[in-house]
N, C-alpha and C. Protein backbone atom coordinates (compact mmCIF):
# COMPACT_ATOMS: atom_id res chain seq x y z
N UNK A 1 -6.87 28.77 -21.07
CA UNK A 1 -7.96 27.82 -21.08
C UNK A 1 -8.33 27.49 -19.63
N UNK A 2 -9.57 27.55 -19.30
CA UNK A 2 -10.03 27.25 -17.95
C UNK A 2 -10.10 25.74 -17.76
N UNK A 3 -9.71 25.29 -16.56
CA UNK A 3 -9.80 23.87 -16.28
C UNK A 3 -11.16 23.55 -15.67
N UNK A 4 -11.52 22.29 -15.72
CA UNK A 4 -12.78 21.85 -15.13
C UNK A 4 -12.55 21.61 -13.65
N UNK A 5 -13.28 22.29 -12.80
CA UNK A 5 -13.09 22.06 -11.36
C UNK A 5 -13.58 20.66 -10.97
N UNK A 6 -12.99 20.14 -9.93
CA UNK A 6 -13.38 18.83 -9.41
C UNK A 6 -13.41 18.90 -7.90
N UNK A 7 -14.16 18.02 -7.29
CA UNK A 7 -14.18 18.00 -5.83
C UNK A 7 -12.98 17.19 -5.33
N UNK A 8 -12.63 17.39 -4.08
CA UNK A 8 -11.43 16.79 -3.50
C UNK A 8 -11.45 15.27 -3.55
N UNK A 9 -12.55 14.66 -3.14
CA UNK A 9 -12.61 13.21 -3.11
C UNK A 9 -12.47 12.62 -4.52
N UNK A 10 -13.08 13.25 -5.51
CA UNK A 10 -12.94 12.77 -6.89
C UNK A 10 -11.49 12.87 -7.36
N UNK A 11 -10.82 13.95 -7.01
CA UNK A 11 -9.42 14.12 -7.36
C UNK A 11 -8.58 12.99 -6.76
N UNK A 12 -8.79 12.70 -5.48
CA UNK A 12 -8.02 11.65 -4.81
C UNK A 12 -8.34 10.27 -5.37
N UNK A 13 -9.60 10.02 -5.68
CA UNK A 13 -9.98 8.74 -6.30
C UNK A 13 -9.32 8.58 -7.66
N UNK A 14 -9.32 9.66 -8.45
CA UNK A 14 -8.68 9.61 -9.77
C UNK A 14 -7.18 9.38 -9.65
N UNK A 15 -6.55 10.02 -8.69
CA UNK A 15 -5.12 9.84 -8.47
C UNK A 15 -4.82 8.40 -8.05
N UNK A 16 -5.64 7.85 -7.17
CA UNK A 16 -5.50 6.47 -6.71
C UNK A 16 -5.63 5.50 -7.89
N UNK A 17 -6.65 5.71 -8.70
CA UNK A 17 -6.86 4.86 -9.87
C UNK A 17 -5.74 5.04 -10.89
N UNK A 18 -5.24 6.27 -11.01
CA UNK A 18 -4.15 6.53 -11.94
C UNK A 18 -2.87 5.83 -11.56
N UNK A 19 -2.53 5.86 -10.28
CA UNK A 19 -1.32 5.15 -9.82
C UNK A 19 -1.49 3.66 -10.06
N UNK A 20 -2.62 3.11 -9.64
CA UNK A 20 -2.86 1.67 -9.79
C UNK A 20 -3.00 1.24 -11.24
N UNK A 21 -3.47 2.13 -12.10
CA UNK A 21 -3.65 1.79 -13.50
C UNK A 21 -2.41 1.99 -14.35
N UNK A 22 -1.48 2.80 -13.86
CA UNK A 22 -0.27 3.11 -14.63
C UNK A 22 0.92 2.28 -14.18
N UNK A 23 1.04 2.03 -12.90
CA UNK A 23 2.17 1.29 -12.34
C UNK A 23 1.77 -0.18 -12.19
N UNK A 24 2.56 -1.06 -12.74
CA UNK A 24 2.29 -2.50 -12.67
C UNK A 24 2.71 -3.03 -11.31
N UNK A 25 1.80 -3.72 -10.64
CA UNK A 25 2.13 -4.32 -9.36
C UNK A 25 3.08 -5.49 -9.58
N UNK A 26 4.15 -5.52 -8.78
CA UNK A 26 5.08 -6.64 -8.80
C UNK A 26 5.54 -6.90 -7.38
N UNK A 27 5.12 -8.00 -6.83
CA UNK A 27 5.58 -8.37 -5.49
C UNK A 27 7.08 -8.59 -5.53
N UNK A 28 7.75 -8.13 -4.51
CA UNK A 28 9.19 -8.34 -4.45
C UNK A 28 9.60 -8.51 -2.99
N UNK A 29 10.65 -9.25 -2.81
CA UNK A 29 11.14 -9.55 -1.46
C UNK A 29 12.28 -8.64 -1.04
N UNK A 30 12.74 -7.77 -1.93
CA UNK A 30 13.85 -6.88 -1.59
C UNK A 30 13.48 -5.99 -0.42
N UNK A 31 14.45 -5.75 0.45
CA UNK A 31 14.23 -4.87 1.59
C UNK A 31 14.17 -3.43 1.12
N UNK A 32 13.35 -2.64 1.75
CA UNK A 32 13.28 -1.22 1.43
C UNK A 32 12.17 -0.88 0.45
N UNK A 33 12.10 0.40 0.15
CA UNK A 33 11.08 0.93 -0.74
C UNK A 33 11.74 1.75 -1.83
N UNK A 34 11.22 1.64 -3.02
CA UNK A 34 11.72 2.46 -4.13
C UNK A 34 11.33 3.91 -3.90
N UNK A 35 12.15 4.82 -4.39
CA UNK A 35 11.76 6.22 -4.43
C UNK A 35 10.61 6.36 -5.42
N UNK A 36 9.70 7.31 -5.21
CA UNK A 36 8.62 7.50 -6.17
C UNK A 36 9.13 7.71 -7.61
N UNK A 37 10.24 8.40 -7.77
CA UNK A 37 10.79 8.60 -9.11
C UNK A 37 11.23 7.27 -9.74
N UNK A 38 11.75 6.35 -8.93
CA UNK A 38 12.12 5.02 -9.44
C UNK A 38 10.88 4.24 -9.86
N UNK A 39 9.84 4.30 -9.04
CA UNK A 39 8.60 3.59 -9.36
C UNK A 39 8.03 4.12 -10.67
N UNK A 40 8.05 5.43 -10.86
CA UNK A 40 7.56 6.01 -12.11
C UNK A 40 8.42 5.60 -13.30
N UNK A 41 9.74 5.65 -13.15
CA UNK A 41 10.60 5.33 -14.29
C UNK A 41 10.56 3.85 -14.64
N UNK A 42 10.46 2.98 -13.63
CA UNK A 42 10.37 1.54 -13.89
C UNK A 42 8.98 1.13 -14.37
N UNK A 43 7.97 1.89 -13.94
CA UNK A 43 6.60 1.54 -14.30
C UNK A 43 6.08 0.34 -13.55
N UNK A 44 6.76 -0.02 -12.46
CA UNK A 44 6.33 -1.16 -11.65
C UNK A 44 6.83 -0.98 -10.22
N UNK A 45 6.16 -1.70 -9.31
CA UNK A 45 6.57 -1.64 -7.92
C UNK A 45 5.70 -2.51 -7.05
N UNK A 46 6.14 -2.67 -5.82
CA UNK A 46 5.38 -3.44 -4.83
C UNK A 46 4.23 -2.58 -4.30
N UNK A 47 3.39 -3.16 -3.47
CA UNK A 47 2.28 -2.41 -2.87
C UNK A 47 2.82 -1.24 -2.04
N UNK A 48 3.95 -1.43 -1.37
CA UNK A 48 4.55 -0.37 -0.58
C UNK A 48 5.07 0.76 -1.48
N UNK A 49 5.62 0.39 -2.64
CA UNK A 49 6.08 1.39 -3.60
C UNK A 49 4.91 2.21 -4.15
N UNK A 50 3.80 1.54 -4.48
CA UNK A 50 2.62 2.23 -4.99
C UNK A 50 2.03 3.15 -3.93
N UNK A 51 1.96 2.67 -2.69
CA UNK A 51 1.43 3.49 -1.60
C UNK A 51 2.30 4.72 -1.37
N UNK A 52 3.62 4.53 -1.43
CA UNK A 52 4.55 5.65 -1.24
C UNK A 52 4.40 6.68 -2.35
N UNK A 53 4.28 6.22 -3.58
CA UNK A 53 4.07 7.13 -4.71
C UNK A 53 2.77 7.91 -4.53
N UNK A 54 1.70 7.23 -4.15
CA UNK A 54 0.41 7.90 -3.94
C UNK A 54 0.53 8.95 -2.83
N UNK A 55 1.16 8.60 -1.72
CA UNK A 55 1.31 9.53 -0.59
C UNK A 55 2.06 10.78 -1.02
N UNK A 56 3.16 10.61 -1.74
CA UNK A 56 3.94 11.77 -2.17
C UNK A 56 3.17 12.62 -3.17
N UNK A 57 2.41 12.00 -4.05
CA UNK A 57 1.58 12.75 -5.01
C UNK A 57 0.51 13.56 -4.28
N UNK A 58 -0.14 12.94 -3.30
CA UNK A 58 -1.18 13.61 -2.51
C UNK A 58 -0.59 14.79 -1.74
N UNK A 59 0.58 14.58 -1.18
CA UNK A 59 1.24 15.66 -0.44
C UNK A 59 1.61 16.83 -1.35
N UNK A 60 1.93 16.55 -2.61
CA UNK A 60 2.27 17.63 -3.54
C UNK A 60 1.07 18.55 -3.78
N UNK A 61 -0.14 18.06 -3.53
CA UNK A 61 -1.35 18.88 -3.62
C UNK A 61 -1.68 19.57 -2.29
N UNK A 62 -0.87 19.31 -1.27
CA UNK A 62 -1.06 19.96 0.02
C UNK A 62 -1.90 19.19 1.03
N UNK A 63 -2.20 17.93 0.75
CA UNK A 63 -2.98 17.11 1.68
C UNK A 63 -2.06 16.35 2.62
N UNK A 64 -2.54 16.09 3.82
CA UNK A 64 -1.82 15.23 4.75
C UNK A 64 -2.05 13.78 4.37
N UNK A 65 -1.00 12.99 4.38
CA UNK A 65 -1.13 11.58 4.01
C UNK A 65 -0.11 10.76 4.77
N UNK A 66 -0.41 9.47 4.93
CA UNK A 66 0.49 8.56 5.63
C UNK A 66 0.41 7.18 5.00
N UNK A 67 1.47 6.40 5.25
CA UNK A 67 1.56 5.03 4.75
C UNK A 67 1.09 4.08 5.84
N UNK A 68 0.36 3.05 5.44
CA UNK A 68 -0.12 2.04 6.38
C UNK A 68 0.41 0.68 5.93
N UNK A 69 0.91 -0.07 6.89
CA UNK A 69 1.39 -1.43 6.63
C UNK A 69 0.55 -2.38 7.47
N UNK A 70 0.15 -3.48 6.87
CA UNK A 70 -0.68 -4.43 7.60
C UNK A 70 -0.96 -5.66 6.76
N UNK A 71 -2.21 -6.11 6.81
CA UNK A 71 -2.59 -7.33 6.11
C UNK A 71 -3.78 -7.07 5.20
N UNK A 72 -3.75 -7.75 4.07
CA UNK A 72 -4.86 -7.74 3.12
C UNK A 72 -5.62 -9.04 3.32
N UNK A 73 -6.87 -8.94 3.75
CA UNK A 73 -7.72 -10.11 3.96
C UNK A 73 -8.51 -10.31 2.67
N UNK A 74 -8.25 -11.42 1.99
CA UNK A 74 -8.85 -11.65 0.68
C UNK A 74 -9.34 -13.09 0.53
N UNK A 75 -10.45 -13.44 1.18
CA UNK A 75 -10.94 -14.81 1.08
C UNK A 75 -11.31 -15.21 -0.35
N UNK A 76 -11.63 -14.22 -1.20
CA UNK A 76 -11.97 -14.54 -2.60
C UNK A 76 -10.73 -14.79 -3.45
N UNK A 77 -9.57 -14.41 -2.94
CA UNK A 77 -8.28 -14.57 -3.63
C UNK A 77 -8.27 -13.90 -4.99
N UNK A 78 -8.84 -12.71 -5.06
CA UNK A 78 -8.91 -11.99 -6.34
C UNK A 78 -8.13 -10.68 -6.34
N UNK A 79 -7.68 -10.21 -5.19
CA UNK A 79 -7.02 -8.91 -5.12
C UNK A 79 -5.52 -9.02 -5.36
N UNK A 80 -4.95 -7.98 -5.96
CA UNK A 80 -3.51 -7.94 -6.17
C UNK A 80 -2.80 -7.86 -4.83
N UNK A 81 -1.71 -8.57 -4.71
CA UNK A 81 -0.92 -8.53 -3.48
C UNK A 81 -1.33 -9.57 -2.47
N UNK A 82 -2.35 -10.36 -2.77
CA UNK A 82 -2.75 -11.37 -1.79
C UNK A 82 -2.15 -12.72 -2.16
N UNK A 83 -1.84 -13.45 -1.15
CA UNK A 83 -1.37 -14.82 -1.32
C UNK A 83 -2.30 -15.67 -0.47
N UNK A 84 -2.88 -16.65 -1.08
CA UNK A 84 -3.88 -17.46 -0.40
C UNK A 84 -5.02 -16.54 0.02
N UNK A 85 -5.47 -16.59 1.25
CA UNK A 85 -6.59 -15.76 1.68
C UNK A 85 -6.15 -14.43 2.29
N UNK A 86 -4.84 -14.19 2.34
CA UNK A 86 -4.36 -12.94 2.90
C UNK A 86 -2.86 -12.83 2.80
N UNK A 87 -2.37 -11.62 3.00
CA UNK A 87 -0.93 -11.40 2.90
C UNK A 87 -0.59 -10.06 3.53
N UNK A 88 0.71 -9.84 3.79
CA UNK A 88 1.11 -8.52 4.21
C UNK A 88 0.85 -7.57 3.04
N UNK A 89 0.54 -6.32 3.37
CA UNK A 89 0.15 -5.37 2.32
C UNK A 89 0.40 -3.95 2.83
N UNK A 90 0.47 -3.01 1.91
CA UNK A 90 0.63 -1.60 2.27
C UNK A 90 -0.34 -0.76 1.45
N UNK A 91 -0.82 0.33 2.05
CA UNK A 91 -1.74 1.24 1.40
C UNK A 91 -1.54 2.62 1.99
N UNK A 92 -2.43 3.54 1.71
CA UNK A 92 -2.27 4.92 2.18
C UNK A 92 -3.55 5.42 2.82
N UNK A 93 -3.39 6.44 3.65
CA UNK A 93 -4.53 7.17 4.21
C UNK A 93 -4.28 8.65 3.99
N UNK A 94 -5.33 9.35 3.60
CA UNK A 94 -5.26 10.79 3.39
C UNK A 94 -6.25 11.46 4.32
N UNK A 95 -5.80 12.55 4.96
CA UNK A 95 -6.67 13.27 5.88
C UNK A 95 -7.42 14.37 5.14
N UNK A 96 -8.74 14.37 5.29
CA UNK A 96 -9.58 15.42 4.74
C UNK A 96 -10.36 16.06 5.89
N UNK A 97 -10.24 17.38 6.06
CA UNK A 97 -10.99 18.06 7.12
C UNK A 97 -12.48 17.75 7.01
N UNK A 98 -13.06 17.41 8.11
CA UNK A 98 -14.49 17.09 8.14
C UNK A 98 -14.78 15.63 7.90
N UNK A 99 -13.93 14.95 7.14
CA UNK A 99 -14.14 13.54 6.83
C UNK A 99 -13.19 12.64 7.62
N UNK A 100 -12.03 13.17 7.99
CA UNK A 100 -11.03 12.36 8.69
C UNK A 100 -10.14 11.63 7.70
N UNK A 101 -9.56 10.53 8.15
CA UNK A 101 -8.65 9.76 7.30
C UNK A 101 -9.43 8.83 6.38
N UNK A 102 -9.11 8.88 5.11
CA UNK A 102 -9.74 8.03 4.11
C UNK A 102 -8.68 7.08 3.56
N UNK A 103 -9.03 5.80 3.48
CA UNK A 103 -8.12 4.76 3.02
C UNK A 103 -8.13 4.66 1.50
N UNK A 104 -6.92 4.64 0.92
CA UNK A 104 -6.74 4.43 -0.52
C UNK A 104 -5.74 3.31 -0.73
N UNK A 105 -6.12 2.32 -1.52
CA UNK A 105 -5.23 1.21 -1.87
C UNK A 105 -4.94 1.29 -3.36
N UNK A 106 -3.87 1.99 -3.76
CA UNK A 106 -3.59 2.13 -5.19
C UNK A 106 -3.28 0.81 -5.88
N UNK A 107 -2.78 -0.18 -5.16
CA UNK A 107 -2.49 -1.48 -5.77
C UNK A 107 -3.76 -2.08 -6.36
N UNK A 108 -4.87 -1.97 -5.64
CA UNK A 108 -6.14 -2.53 -6.08
C UNK A 108 -7.12 -1.46 -6.55
N UNK A 109 -6.65 -0.22 -6.63
CA UNK A 109 -7.47 0.91 -7.07
C UNK A 109 -8.77 1.01 -6.27
N UNK A 110 -8.66 0.77 -4.96
CA UNK A 110 -9.87 0.79 -4.13
C UNK A 110 -9.80 1.91 -3.10
N UNK A 111 -10.99 2.29 -2.63
CA UNK A 111 -11.14 3.30 -1.58
C UNK A 111 -11.90 2.64 -0.44
N UNK A 112 -11.44 2.85 0.78
CA UNK A 112 -12.07 2.21 1.94
C UNK A 112 -11.25 1.00 2.34
N UNK A 113 -11.38 0.61 3.58
CA UNK A 113 -10.51 -0.44 4.10
C UNK A 113 -11.22 -1.66 4.63
N UNK A 114 -12.32 -2.08 4.01
CA UNK A 114 -13.07 -3.21 4.53
C UNK A 114 -12.24 -4.48 4.61
N UNK A 115 -11.29 -4.67 3.71
CA UNK A 115 -10.49 -5.89 3.69
C UNK A 115 -9.05 -5.65 4.14
N UNK A 116 -8.79 -4.49 4.76
CA UNK A 116 -7.44 -4.13 5.18
C UNK A 116 -7.33 -4.09 6.70
N UNK A 117 -6.30 -4.72 7.23
CA UNK A 117 -6.08 -4.78 8.67
C UNK A 117 -4.79 -4.02 8.97
N UNK A 118 -4.90 -2.79 9.50
CA UNK A 118 -3.68 -2.00 9.75
C UNK A 118 -2.88 -2.53 10.93
N UNK A 119 -1.56 -2.47 10.80
CA UNK A 119 -0.66 -2.85 11.89
C UNK A 119 0.23 -1.67 12.26
N UNK A 120 0.74 -0.95 11.26
CA UNK A 120 1.61 0.20 11.50
C UNK A 120 1.19 1.35 10.60
N UNK A 121 1.16 2.55 11.17
CA UNK A 121 0.81 3.76 10.43
C UNK A 121 1.93 4.77 10.69
N UNK A 122 2.44 5.38 9.62
CA UNK A 122 3.55 6.31 9.81
C UNK A 122 3.57 7.36 8.70
N UNK A 123 4.13 8.50 9.04
CA UNK A 123 4.30 9.56 8.05
C UNK A 123 5.38 9.18 7.05
N UNK A 124 6.46 8.60 7.54
CA UNK A 124 7.57 8.19 6.70
C UNK A 124 7.54 6.67 6.53
N UNK A 125 7.64 6.21 5.30
CA UNK A 125 7.52 4.79 5.00
C UNK A 125 8.54 3.94 5.76
N UNK A 126 9.71 4.50 6.07
CA UNK A 126 10.73 3.73 6.79
C UNK A 126 10.30 3.40 8.21
N UNK A 127 9.29 4.09 8.73
CA UNK A 127 8.80 3.82 10.08
C UNK A 127 7.69 2.78 10.08
N UNK A 128 7.24 2.35 8.91
CA UNK A 128 6.15 1.37 8.83
C UNK A 128 6.54 0.16 8.01
N UNK A 129 7.82 -0.15 8.00
CA UNK A 129 8.30 -1.28 7.20
C UNK A 129 7.84 -2.59 7.83
N UNK A 130 7.51 -3.58 6.99
CA UNK A 130 7.18 -4.91 7.53
C UNK A 130 8.39 -5.49 8.25
N UNK A 131 8.16 -6.46 9.05
CA UNK A 131 9.26 -7.11 9.77
C UNK A 131 10.22 -7.77 8.81
N UNK A 132 11.49 -7.67 9.10
CA UNK A 132 12.51 -8.35 8.32
C UNK A 132 13.43 -9.09 9.28
N UNK A 133 14.10 -10.07 8.78
CA UNK A 133 15.01 -10.81 9.64
C UNK A 133 15.86 -11.77 8.83
N UNK A 134 16.67 -12.50 9.53
CA UNK A 134 17.52 -13.48 8.87
C UNK A 134 17.74 -14.65 9.82
N UNK A 135 18.30 -15.73 9.28
CA UNK A 135 18.56 -16.92 10.07
C UNK A 135 20.01 -17.33 9.83
N UNK A 136 20.72 -17.64 10.88
CA UNK A 136 22.08 -18.15 10.78
C UNK A 136 22.14 -19.47 11.51
N UNK A 137 22.59 -20.48 10.85
CA UNK A 137 22.68 -21.80 11.46
C UNK A 137 22.77 -22.87 10.40
N UNK A 138 22.81 -24.12 10.84
CA UNK A 138 22.89 -25.21 9.85
C UNK A 138 21.62 -25.24 8.99
N UNK A 139 21.77 -25.59 7.71
CA UNK A 139 20.63 -25.57 6.78
C UNK A 139 19.46 -26.43 7.22
N UNK A 140 19.72 -27.56 7.89
CA UNK A 140 18.62 -28.44 8.27
C UNK A 140 17.93 -28.03 9.57
N UNK A 141 18.41 -26.98 10.22
CA UNK A 141 17.82 -26.54 11.49
C UNK A 141 16.58 -25.67 11.26
N UNK A 142 16.43 -25.17 10.06
CA UNK A 142 15.29 -24.29 9.77
C UNK A 142 14.68 -24.74 8.45
N UNK A 143 13.54 -25.40 8.52
CA UNK A 143 12.93 -25.94 7.31
C UNK A 143 11.98 -24.98 6.64
N UNK A 144 11.14 -24.34 7.41
CA UNK A 144 10.21 -23.37 6.84
C UNK A 144 9.56 -22.54 7.94
N UNK A 145 8.82 -21.55 7.50
CA UNK A 145 8.11 -20.69 8.42
C UNK A 145 6.80 -20.30 7.75
N UNK A 146 5.77 -20.19 8.51
CA UNK A 146 4.50 -19.74 7.96
C UNK A 146 3.85 -18.76 8.94
N UNK A 147 3.02 -17.92 8.40
CA UNK A 147 2.27 -16.95 9.19
C UNK A 147 0.82 -17.08 8.79
N UNK A 148 -0.05 -17.09 9.76
CA UNK A 148 -1.47 -17.19 9.46
C UNK A 148 -2.19 -16.09 10.22
N UNK A 149 -3.02 -15.35 9.54
CA UNK A 149 -3.84 -14.32 10.17
C UNK A 149 -5.28 -14.76 10.05
N UNK A 150 -5.95 -14.90 11.16
CA UNK A 150 -7.37 -15.27 11.16
C UNK A 150 -8.21 -14.05 11.47
N UNK A 151 -9.21 -13.82 10.65
CA UNK A 151 -10.10 -12.68 10.83
C UNK A 151 -11.45 -13.23 11.26
N UNK A 152 -11.87 -12.87 12.47
CA UNK A 152 -13.15 -13.34 12.99
C UNK A 152 -14.21 -12.27 12.87
N UNK A 153 -15.42 -12.66 12.91
CA UNK A 153 -16.53 -11.73 12.74
C UNK A 153 -17.12 -11.28 14.00
């Protein structure tokens, strides 16, 4: 049986929508990233897990892809993975000859990066991990911490 041919961008868009539509987004504070096989078997993962799954799927088709870690700017507060008007977030970029790098956010099933602010780009997800840390000291010495990202026009 002959298959129906598709263009490259449509294939990548369908793959992006498929990952975002099949895997349930679940924010988690655990350090590290799930293996793509774990994300598939659990049926859920963080934005970094979804981006990693998408990157590995794209690479299996022979495309160059990388993971991006940064911030999701969401003043409407409607996108998955956002807290308040923004939050740390991860997505993917795929290289297409003639077009360059195209941004795919499988968590939100979107293409393009109008609301994404990249901070780290890497071939291997372990090279683009968000900052992690710990605190040692008396409990009353550290009450809270906040991060604010302002996006100007």
